[in-house]
N, C-alpha and C. Protein backbone atom coordinates (compact mmCIF):
# COMPACT_ATOMS: atom_id res chain seq x y z
N UNK A 1 0.66 -1.46 -0.17
CA UNK A 1 -0.01 -0.04 -0.01
C UNK A 1 0.25 1.14 -0.09
N UNK A 2 1.96 1.37 0.89
CA UNK A 2 2.44 2.36 1.10
C UNK A 2 3.66 2.75 -0.49
N UNK A 3 3.75 1.68 -0.98
CA UNK A 3 4.55 1.59 -2.41
C UNK A 3 3.71 2.08 -3.73
N UNK A 4 2.25 1.93 -3.67
CA UNK A 4 1.34 2.72 -4.74
C UNK A 4 1.19 3.90 -4.05
N UNK A 5 0.85 3.76 -2.89
CA UNK A 5 0.83 5.72 -2.61
C UNK A 5 2.41 6.65 -3.33
N UNK A 6 2.89 6.08 -2.91
CA UNK A 6 4.32 6.68 -3.05
C UNK A 6 4.02 7.06 -4.62
N UNK A 7 3.69 5.58 -5.59
CA UNK A 7 4.41 5.98 -6.66
C UNK A 7 2.91 6.86 -7.84
N UNK A 8 1.98 7.00 -6.52
CA UNK A 8 0.62 8.31 -6.98
C UNK A 8 1.17 9.12 -6.79
N UNK A 9 2.00 9.92 -5.71
CA UNK A 9 2.84 11.04 -5.54
C UNK A 9 3.53 11.20 -6.64
N UNK A 10 4.34 10.35 -6.99
CA UNK A 10 5.56 10.50 -8.07
C UNK A 10 4.85 10.38 -9.18
N UNK A 11 3.98 10.16 -9.78
CA UNK A 11 2.93 10.25 -11.05
C UNK A 11 2.65 11.95 -11.10
N UNK A 12 2.10 12.24 -10.19
CA UNK A 12 0.83 13.40 -9.97
C UNK A 12 1.72 14.60 -9.77
N UNK A 13 2.84 14.35 -9.13
CA UNK A 13 4.11 15.92 -9.16
C UNK A 13 4.18 16.28 -10.42
N UNK A 14 4.40 15.89 -11.43
CA UNK A 14 4.93 16.54 -12.39
C UNK A 14 3.76 17.13 -13.23
N UNK A 15 2.53 16.51 -13.22
CA UNK A 15 1.02 16.84 -13.68
C UNK A 15 1.09 18.34 -12.80
N UNK A 16 1.19 18.14 -11.12
CA UNK A 16 0.80 19.56 -10.88
C UNK A 16 1.92 20.49 -10.81
N UNK A 17 3.11 20.41 -11.52
CA UNK A 17 4.21 21.35 -11.45
C UNK A 17 3.80 21.95 -13.24
N UNK A 18 3.12 21.13 -13.41
CA UNK A 18 3.09 21.51 -15.29
C UNK A 18 1.94 22.22 -14.94
N UNK A 19 0.52 22.51 -14.32
CA UNK A 19 -0.27 23.19 -14.55
C UNK A 19 -0.59 24.35 -13.73
N UNK A 20 0.85 24.18 -12.56
CA UNK A 20 1.40 25.58 -12.21
C UNK A 20 1.67 26.36 -13.20
N UNK A 21 2.82 26.03 -14.06
CA UNK A 21 3.60 27.09 -15.25
C UNK A 21 2.97 27.87 -15.84
N UNK A 22 1.38 27.57 -16.10
CA UNK A 22 0.91 28.48 -16.79
C UNK A 22 0.19 30.14 -16.18
N UNK A 23 0.32 29.61 -14.84
CA UNK A 23 0.07 31.15 -14.08
C UNK A 23 0.87 32.24 -14.24
N UNK A 24 0.70 33.13 -14.46
CA UNK A 24 1.67 34.50 -14.39
C UNK A 24 1.81 35.31 -13.23
N UNK A 25 2.92 35.05 -12.56
CA UNK A 25 2.86 36.15 -11.43
C UNK A 25 3.63 36.96 -11.57
N UNK A 26 3.06 37.74 -10.91
CA UNK A 26 2.75 39.65 -11.49
C UNK A 26 3.73 40.24 -9.71
N UNK A 27 5.18 40.70 -9.62
CA UNK A 27 5.64 41.87 -8.91
C UNK A 27 4.85 43.02 -8.62
N UNK A 28 5.02 43.31 -7.14
CA UNK A 28 4.11 44.13 -6.71
C UNK A 28 3.65 45.66 -7.83
N UNK A 29 5.36 46.02 -8.05
CA UNK A 29 5.37 46.96 -8.72
C UNK A 29 4.67 46.82 -10.55
N UNK A 30 4.80 45.71 -10.79
CA UNK A 30 3.72 45.41 -12.15
C UNK A 30 2.63 45.91 -11.90
N UNK A 31 1.92 45.68 -10.94
CA UNK A 31 0.75 45.69 -10.51
C UNK A 31 0.32 47.12 -10.33
N UNK A 32 1.11 47.71 -9.73
CA UNK A 32 1.41 49.02 -9.86
C UNK A 32 1.39 50.40 -10.87
N UNK A 33 1.92 50.07 -11.17
CA UNK A 33 2.19 50.06 -12.87
C UNK A 33 1.01 50.13 -13.65
N UNK A 34 0.09 49.15 -13.51
CA UNK A 34 -0.76 49.19 -14.27
C UNK A 34 -1.90 49.63 -13.25
N UNK A 35 -2.08 49.40 -12.40
CA UNK A 35 -3.26 50.70 -11.78
C UNK A 35 -3.06 51.92 -11.84
N UNK A 36 -1.80 52.45 -12.15
CA UNK A 36 -1.26 54.22 -12.41
C UNK A 36 -1.67 54.48 -11.06
N UNK A 37 -1.24 53.99 -10.01
CA UNK A 37 -1.20 54.07 -8.67
C UNK A 37 0.46 54.53 -7.73
N UNK A 38 1.06 54.96 -9.04
CA UNK A 38 2.47 55.14 -8.94
C UNK A 38 2.80 56.44 -8.43
N UNK A 39 2.99 57.21 -7.58
CA UNK A 39 3.79 58.23 -7.02
C UNK A 39 5.43 58.68 -6.94
N UNK A 40 5.59 59.53 -7.16
CA UNK A 40 6.90 59.78 -6.83
C UNK A 40 7.13 61.00 -6.13
N UNK A 41 8.17 61.03 -4.96
CA UNK A 41 8.30 62.07 -4.08
C UNK A 41 9.65 62.14 -4.44
N UNK A 42 10.29 63.30 -4.50
CA UNK A 42 11.41 64.06 -4.32
C UNK A 42 11.84 65.08 -3.91
N UNK A 43 12.46 65.42 -4.09
CA UNK A 43 12.89 67.24 -3.70
C UNK A 43 12.39 68.27 -4.13
N UNK A 44 12.31 69.28 -3.89
CA UNK A 44 11.90 70.54 -5.43
C UNK A 44 13.30 70.67 -5.79
N UNK A 45 14.46 70.51 -4.90
CA UNK A 45 15.31 71.12 -5.75
C UNK A 45 16.02 70.35 -7.00
N UNK A 46 15.81 68.90 -7.13
CA UNK A 46 16.24 67.86 -8.49
C UNK A 46 15.09 68.50 -9.56
N UNK A 47 13.54 68.95 -9.15
CA UNK A 47 12.75 69.22 -10.02
C UNK A 47 13.62 70.99 -10.42
N UNK A 48 14.13 71.59 -9.99
CA UNK A 48 14.68 72.71 -10.23
C UNK A 48 15.49 72.36 -11.35
N UNK A 49 16.50 71.91 -10.74
CA UNK A 49 18.19 70.68 -11.37
C UNK A 49 17.15 70.82 -12.81
N UNK A 50 16.37 69.92 -12.98
CA UNK A 50 15.69 69.06 -14.35
C UNK A 50 14.98 70.66 -15.19
N UNK A 51 14.70 71.31 -14.43
CA UNK A 51 13.92 72.41 -15.76
C UNK A 51 14.60 73.58 -15.62
N UNK A 52 16.21 73.35 -15.10
CA UNK A 52 16.69 74.88 -15.25
C UNK A 52 16.70 74.98 -16.80
N UNK A 53 16.86 76.19 -17.11
CA UNK A 53 17.47 76.44 -18.74
C UNK A 53 18.60 76.23 -19.00
N UNK A 54 19.29 75.63 -19.79
CA UNK A 54 21.02 75.53 -20.01
C UNK A 54 21.20 76.82 -20.76
N UNK A 55 22.23 77.21 -19.92
CA UNK A 55 22.94 78.69 -20.23
C UNK A 55 23.45 78.74 -21.68
N UNK A 56 23.32 79.53 -22.50
CA UNK A 56 23.50 79.67 -23.95
C UNK A 56 25.25 80.54 -23.37
N UNK A 57 25.99 79.92 -24.79
CA UNK A 57 26.78 80.81 -24.54
C UNK A 57 27.27 81.92 -25.58
N UNK A 58 27.33 83.36 -25.48
CA UNK A 58 26.98 84.11 -26.16
C UNK A 58 28.86 85.00 -26.37
N UNK A 59 29.35 84.72 -27.12
CA UNK A 59 30.97 85.45 -27.23
C UNK A 59 30.81 86.84 -26.83
N UNK A 60 30.27 87.44 -27.34
CA UNK A 60 29.77 88.66 -27.86
C UNK A 60 29.97 89.26 -26.03
N UNK A 61 29.41 88.96 -25.04
CA UNK A 61 29.15 89.25 -24.12
C UNK A 61 30.38 88.93 -23.16
N UNK A 62 31.45 88.00 -24.07
CA UNK A 62 32.73 88.06 -23.58
C UNK A 62 33.96 88.92 -24.15
N UNK A 63 33.56 89.83 -24.94
CA UNK A 63 34.23 90.75 -25.76
C UNK A 63 34.96 91.59 -24.59
N UNK A 64 36.50 91.98 -24.72
CA UNK A 64 36.91 92.77 -24.25
C UNK A 64 38.27 93.48 -25.09
N UNK A 65 38.35 94.84 -24.25
CA UNK A 65 39.45 95.68 -25.07
C UNK A 65 40.88 95.33 -24.18
N UNK A 66 41.53 95.07 -25.16
CA UNK A 66 42.92 94.97 -24.31
C UNK A 66 43.88 96.19 -23.99
N UNK A 67 45.09 95.79 -23.73
CA UNK A 67 45.71 97.54 -23.74
C UNK A 67 46.25 98.06 -24.90
N UNK A 68 46.00 97.14 -25.87
CA UNK A 68 46.60 98.07 -27.19
C UNK A 68 45.24 98.76 -27.85
N UNK A 69 43.97 98.43 -27.20
CA UNK A 69 42.69 98.79 -27.51
C UNK A 69 42.48 98.10 -28.89
N UNK A 70 42.47 96.69 -29.29
CA UNK A 70 41.30 96.06 -30.02
C UNK A 70 40.84 94.99 -28.72
N UNK A 71 39.53 94.37 -29.65
CA UNK A 71 38.87 93.45 -28.89
C UNK A 71 39.25 92.40 -28.95
N UNK A 72 39.14 91.80 -27.93
CA UNK A 72 39.52 90.52 -28.01
C UNK A 72 38.69 89.33 -27.07
N UNK A 73 38.69 87.86 -27.13
CA UNK A 73 38.03 87.33 -26.50
C UNK A 73 39.07 86.48 -25.92
N UNK A 74 38.55 86.48 -24.54
CA UNK A 74 40.08 85.15 -23.76
C UNK A 74 39.20 84.38 -23.67
N UNK A 75 39.81 83.12 -23.77
CA UNK A 75 39.91 81.74 -23.68
C UNK A 75 40.92 81.02 -22.93
N UNK A 76 40.24 79.49 -23.18
CA UNK A 76 41.72 78.58 -22.31
C UNK A 76 42.53 78.34 -23.48
N UNK A 77 44.18 78.56 -23.44
CA UNK A 77 45.09 78.14 -24.29
C UNK A 77 46.14 77.58 -23.50
N UNK A 78 47.48 77.48 -24.71
CA UNK A 78 48.53 77.78 -24.08
C UNK A 78 49.11 78.99 -24.51
N UNK A 79 50.51 79.01 -23.84
CA UNK A 79 51.81 80.23 -24.40
C UNK A 79 52.98 79.49 -23.83
N UNK A 80 53.66 80.07 -24.33
CA UNK A 80 55.40 79.56 -23.81
C UNK A 80 55.95 80.37 -22.67
N UNK A 81 56.44 79.89 -21.58
CA UNK A 81 57.16 80.61 -20.25
C UNK A 81 58.41 80.69 -20.54
N UNK A 82 58.80 81.78 -21.32
CA UNK A 82 60.18 82.01 -21.37
C UNK A 82 60.97 82.36 -19.71
N UNK A 83 60.21 83.00 -19.16
CA UNK A 83 61.56 83.50 -17.93
C UNK A 83 60.16 83.61 -16.44
N UNK A 84 60.46 83.33 -15.68
CA UNK A 84 60.04 83.57 -14.48
C UNK A 84 61.09 83.72 -12.96
N UNK A 85 60.84 84.81 -12.28
CA UNK A 85 61.85 85.19 -11.13
C UNK A 85 60.90 85.63 -9.87
N UNK A 86 61.68 85.40 -8.86
CA UNK A 86 60.76 86.16 -7.69
C UNK A 86 61.55 87.18 -6.89
N UNK A 87 62.46 88.11 -7.49
CA UNK A 87 63.03 88.69 -7.14
C UNK A 87 62.73 90.40 -7.56
N UNK A 88 62.21 90.69 -6.92
CA UNK A 88 61.37 92.03 -7.11
C UNK A 88 61.58 92.91 -8.52
N UNK A 89 62.75 93.55 -8.48
CA UNK A 89 63.23 94.54 -9.03
C UNK A 89 63.90 94.03 -10.21
N UNK A 90 64.71 92.89 -9.65
CA UNK A 90 65.48 91.82 -10.77
C UNK A 90 65.46 91.89 -11.44
N UNK A 91 64.01 91.19 -11.01
CA UNK A 91 62.98 89.35 -11.79
C UNK A 91 62.39 90.74 -13.39
N UNK A 92 62.16 91.79 -12.95
CA UNK A 92 61.04 92.87 -13.84
C UNK A 92 61.90 93.28 -14.84
N UNK A 93 63.44 93.55 -14.28
CA UNK A 93 64.00 94.15 -15.45
C UNK A 93 65.01 92.86 -16.22
N UNK A 94 65.02 91.71 -15.67
CA UNK A 94 65.54 90.72 -16.37
C UNK A 94 64.17 90.31 -17.38
N UNK A 95 63.04 89.95 -17.29
CA UNK A 95 62.12 90.11 -18.08
C UNK A 95 61.95 90.52 -19.19
N UNK A 96 61.91 92.47 -18.82
CA UNK A 96 61.70 93.39 -19.44
C UNK A 96 63.13 92.79 -20.92
N UNK A 97 63.99 92.67 -20.54
CA UNK A 97 65.70 92.49 -21.07
C UNK A 97 65.24 91.49 -22.54
N UNK A 98 64.54 90.20 -21.35
CA UNK A 98 64.45 89.13 -22.13
C UNK A 98 63.51 89.39 -23.56
N UNK A 99 62.46 89.94 -23.41
CA UNK A 99 61.34 90.38 -24.32
C UNK A 99 62.16 91.33 -25.20
N UNK A 100 62.96 92.26 -24.46
CA UNK A 100 63.51 92.93 -25.45
C UNK A 100 64.07 91.98 -27.12
N UNK A 101 64.99 91.16 -26.62
CA UNK A 101 65.61 90.46 -27.21
C UNK A 101 64.75 89.44 -27.93
N UNK A 102 63.25 88.97 -27.84
CA UNK A 102 63.48 88.32 -28.19
C UNK A 102 62.08 88.94 -29.53
N UNK A 103 61.58 90.30 -29.04
CA UNK A 103 61.33 91.39 -30.32
C UNK A 103 62.39 91.44 -30.90
N UNK A 104 63.29 91.71 -30.55
CA UNK A 104 64.64 91.85 -31.63
C UNK A 104 64.69 91.13 -32.85
N UNK A 105 64.21 89.48 -32.05
CA UNK A 105 64.52 88.34 -33.18
C UNK A 105 62.85 88.27 -34.26
N UNK A 106 62.36 88.21 -33.60
CA UNK A 106 60.96 88.62 -34.28
C UNK A 106 60.05 89.35 -33.44
N UNK A 107 60.09 90.50 -34.07
CA UNK A 107 58.72 91.53 -33.81
C UNK A 107 57.47 91.58 -33.78
N UNK A 108 57.07 90.45 -34.39
CA UNK A 108 55.38 89.88 -34.72
C UNK A 108 55.45 88.94 -33.19
N UNK A 109 56.03 88.57 -32.34
CA UNK A 109 55.81 87.80 -31.40
C UNK A 109 54.95 88.66 -30.23
N UNK A 110 53.81 88.10 -29.92
CA UNK A 110 53.00 88.36 -28.82
C UNK A 110 53.50 88.46 -27.64
N UNK A 111 54.14 89.20 -26.89
CA UNK A 111 55.00 89.18 -25.23
C UNK A 111 54.14 89.66 -24.25
N UNK A 112 54.02 88.53 -23.62
CA UNK A 112 53.39 89.56 -21.76
C UNK A 112 54.02 89.27 -21.03
N UNK A 113 54.92 90.79 -20.02
CA UNK A 113 55.13 90.67 -18.93
C UNK A 113 54.31 90.39 -18.15
N UNK A 114 54.48 89.71 -17.00
CA UNK A 114 52.94 90.07 -15.99
C UNK A 114 53.43 89.79 -14.46
N UNK A 115 53.27 90.07 -13.41
CA UNK A 115 53.51 89.87 -12.44
C UNK A 115 52.41 89.04 -11.14
N UNK A 116 52.47 87.73 -11.25
CA UNK A 116 51.72 87.12 -11.08
C UNK A 116 52.43 86.61 -9.16
N UNK A 117 51.98 87.20 -8.24
CA UNK A 117 52.70 87.25 -6.78
C UNK A 117 53.10 85.60 -6.53
N UNK A 118 54.33 85.15 -6.01
CA UNK A 118 55.30 86.21 -6.01
C UNK A 118 56.27 86.51 -7.47
N UNK A 119 55.96 86.58 -8.37
CA UNK A 119 56.80 85.95 -9.41
C UNK A 119 56.16 87.00 -10.49
N UNK A 120 57.66 87.12 -11.51
CA UNK A 120 57.34 88.20 -12.76
C UNK A 120 57.65 86.78 -13.79
N UNK A 121 56.95 86.73 -15.03
CA UNK A 121 56.73 86.37 -15.68
C UNK A 121 56.78 86.65 -17.09
N UNK A 122 57.64 85.91 -18.14
CA UNK A 122 57.36 86.31 -19.58
C UNK A 122 56.69 85.33 -20.11
N UNK A 123 55.88 85.61 -20.92
CA UNK A 123 54.90 84.41 -21.75
C UNK A 123 54.66 84.63 -22.82
N UNK A 124 55.14 84.09 -24.03
CA UNK A 124 55.05 84.47 -25.18
C UNK A 124 53.85 83.82 -25.86
N UNK A 125 53.40 84.48 -26.71
CA UNK A 125 52.20 83.51 -28.02
C UNK A 125 50.86 83.32 -27.41
N UNK A 126 49.99 83.18 -28.00
CA UNK A 126 48.53 83.01 -28.15
C UNK A 126 47.88 81.99 -28.64
N UNK A 127 48.31 80.39 -28.33
CA UNK A 127 47.93 79.41 -28.96
C UNK A 127 46.45 78.63 -28.56
N UNK A 128 45.93 77.78 -29.38
CA UNK A 128 44.46 77.44 -29.06
C UNK A 128 45.21 75.51 -28.50
N UNK A 129 46.13 75.42 -29.27
CA UNK A 129 46.22 74.03 -28.85
C UNK A 129 48.02 73.99 -28.38
N UNK A 130 48.22 72.45 -27.85
CA UNK A 130 49.66 72.68 -27.39
C UNK A 130 50.74 72.39 -28.22
N UNK A 131 50.18 71.81 -29.27
CA UNK A 131 51.06 71.75 -30.50
C UNK A 131 51.52 72.99 -31.17
N UNK A 132 50.80 73.52 -31.16
CA UNK A 132 51.17 75.16 -31.97
C UNK A 132 52.23 75.61 -30.81
N UNK A 133 52.12 75.75 -29.36
CA UNK A 133 52.88 76.21 -28.35
C UNK A 133 54.22 75.21 -28.83
N UNK A 134 54.32 74.24 -28.55
CA UNK A 134 55.24 72.83 -28.69
C UNK A 134 56.32 74.19 -29.86
N UNK A 135 55.69 73.78 -30.65
CA UNK A 135 56.46 74.19 -32.26
C UNK A 135 56.94 75.87 -31.93
N UNK A 136 56.72 76.56 -31.02
CA UNK A 136 57.37 77.92 -31.45
C UNK A 136 58.44 77.53 -30.09
N UNK A 137 57.88 77.02 -28.88
CA UNK A 137 58.96 76.59 -27.61
C UNK A 137 60.27 76.21 -28.12
N UNK A 138 60.16 75.21 -29.56
CA UNK A 138 61.27 74.38 -29.88
C UNK A 138 61.90 75.39 -30.70
N UNK A 139 61.33 75.95 -31.12
CA UNK A 139 61.99 77.46 -32.48
C UNK A 139 62.73 78.14 -31.34
N UNK A 140 62.24 78.76 -30.37
CA UNK A 140 62.69 79.84 -29.08
C UNK A 140 63.79 79.27 -28.87
N UNK A 141 63.98 77.46 -28.16
CA UNK A 141 65.15 77.26 -27.74
C UNK A 141 65.61 76.74 -28.48
N UNK A 142 65.88 76.64 -29.32
CA UNK A 142 66.80 76.60 -30.64
C UNK A 142 67.85 77.74 -30.99
N UNK A 143 66.81 78.81 -31.14
CA UNK A 143 67.40 80.48 -30.89
C UNK A 143 67.98 81.31 -29.77
N UNK A 144 67.75 80.63 -28.88
CA UNK A 144 67.74 81.05 -27.50
C UNK A 144 68.32 79.99 -26.13
N UNK A 145 69.16 79.37 -26.46
CA UNK A 145 69.79 78.31 -25.21
C UNK A 145 70.00 79.03 -24.68
N UNK A 146 70.32 79.77 -24.22
CA UNK A 146 70.64 80.56 -22.44
C UNK A 146 69.33 80.40 -22.05
N UNK A 147 68.52 80.55 -22.40
CA UNK A 147 67.11 80.83 -21.77
C UNK A 147 66.26 79.53 -21.85
N UNK A 148 66.62 78.28 -22.70
CA UNK A 148 66.23 77.50 -22.89
C UNK A 148 65.65 76.42 -21.60
N UNK A 149 66.52 76.45 -20.71
CA UNK A 149 66.47 75.43 -19.28
C UNK A 149 64.78 76.18 -18.37
N UNK A 150 64.69 77.60 -18.53
CA UNK A 150 63.41 77.64 -18.00
C UNK A 150 62.19 77.97 -19.08
N UNK A 151 62.34 77.67 -20.19
CA UNK A 151 61.54 77.69 -21.06
C UNK A 151 60.57 76.38 -21.20
N UNK A 152 59.41 76.59 -21.02
CA UNK A 152 58.14 75.56 -20.80
C UNK A 152 56.92 76.10 -20.97
N UNK A 153 56.09 74.91 -21.93
CA UNK A 153 54.38 75.76 -22.51
C UNK A 153 53.76 75.21 -21.14
N UNK A 154 53.17 76.32 -20.77
CA UNK A 154 52.06 76.16 -19.89
C UNK A 154 50.50 76.32 -20.46
N UNK A 155 49.26 76.32 -19.32
CA UNK A 155 48.12 76.10 -20.22
C UNK A 155 47.47 77.77 -19.14
N UNK A 156 47.07 78.46 -19.88
CA UNK A 156 47.07 79.87 -19.72
C UNK A 156 45.52 80.55 -20.55
N UNK A 157 45.44 81.76 -19.77
CA UNK A 157 43.88 82.73 -20.63
C UNK A 157 44.78 83.25 -21.39
N UNK A 158 44.46 82.80 -22.48
CA UNK A 158 44.90 83.86 -23.99
C UNK A 158 43.92 84.44 -24.81
N UNK A 159 43.95 85.29 -25.53
CA UNK A 159 43.67 86.30 -26.58
C UNK A 159 43.43 86.40 -27.71
N UNK A 160 42.29 85.83 -27.93
CA UNK A 160 41.80 85.97 -29.42
C UNK A 160 41.54 87.01 -30.25
N UNK A 161 42.36 87.68 -31.43
CA UNK A 161 41.91 88.95 -31.64
C UNK A 161 40.35 89.07 -32.20
N UNK A 162 39.26 90.00 -32.28
CA UNK A 162 38.31 89.72 -32.70
C UNK A 162 38.16 90.82 -33.57
N UNK A 163 38.26 92.17 -33.09
CA UNK A 163 38.51 93.46 -34.05
C UNK A 163 39.31 94.70 -33.39
N UNK A 164 39.42 95.75 -34.27
CA UNK A 164 39.80 96.60 -33.46
C UNK A 164 39.05 97.63 -33.47
N UNK A 165 39.12 98.67 -32.20
CA UNK A 165 38.18 99.38 -31.89
C UNK A 165 38.74 100.91 -32.40
N UNK A 166 38.22 101.22 -32.83
CA UNK A 166 38.42 102.85 -33.51
C UNK A 166 38.77 103.75 -32.30
N UNK A 167 39.62 104.46 -32.27
CA UNK A 167 39.74 105.88 -30.89
C UNK A 167 39.12 107.02 -31.56
């Protein structure tokens, strides 16, 4: 009797399992989604971030006039730093002397003698790419080997000329 009862149960299990496989199980999330009862609670600052308008870049609003009276646009770029020194008067005079040497070699070079505390710096050029600045660096290093140890390419804010302001 025990053997026949065991046999019946063993034969009935696959049939019972097959009948259950046709039932579709739904998760709570699926049920809520189908009933349209989902509410999202969030911080109001998140809504402000999502609806904030993107700032439109307006180049005309960034135009400035440089020391020579030309309209320029200031952007991130590269220059060659030829000199940097932290002795107040001596470093300034050295930067101006090197600038005069560079201008004698090529009067078209754009040079900038700047004081960024505590250093006087001589920067040359306005280049959009590092490769352009590196080309000038190699040329200057070959022409002025005395200054070559201090020269290197730096990332700076550069001037892009837009037009000339009528005086």
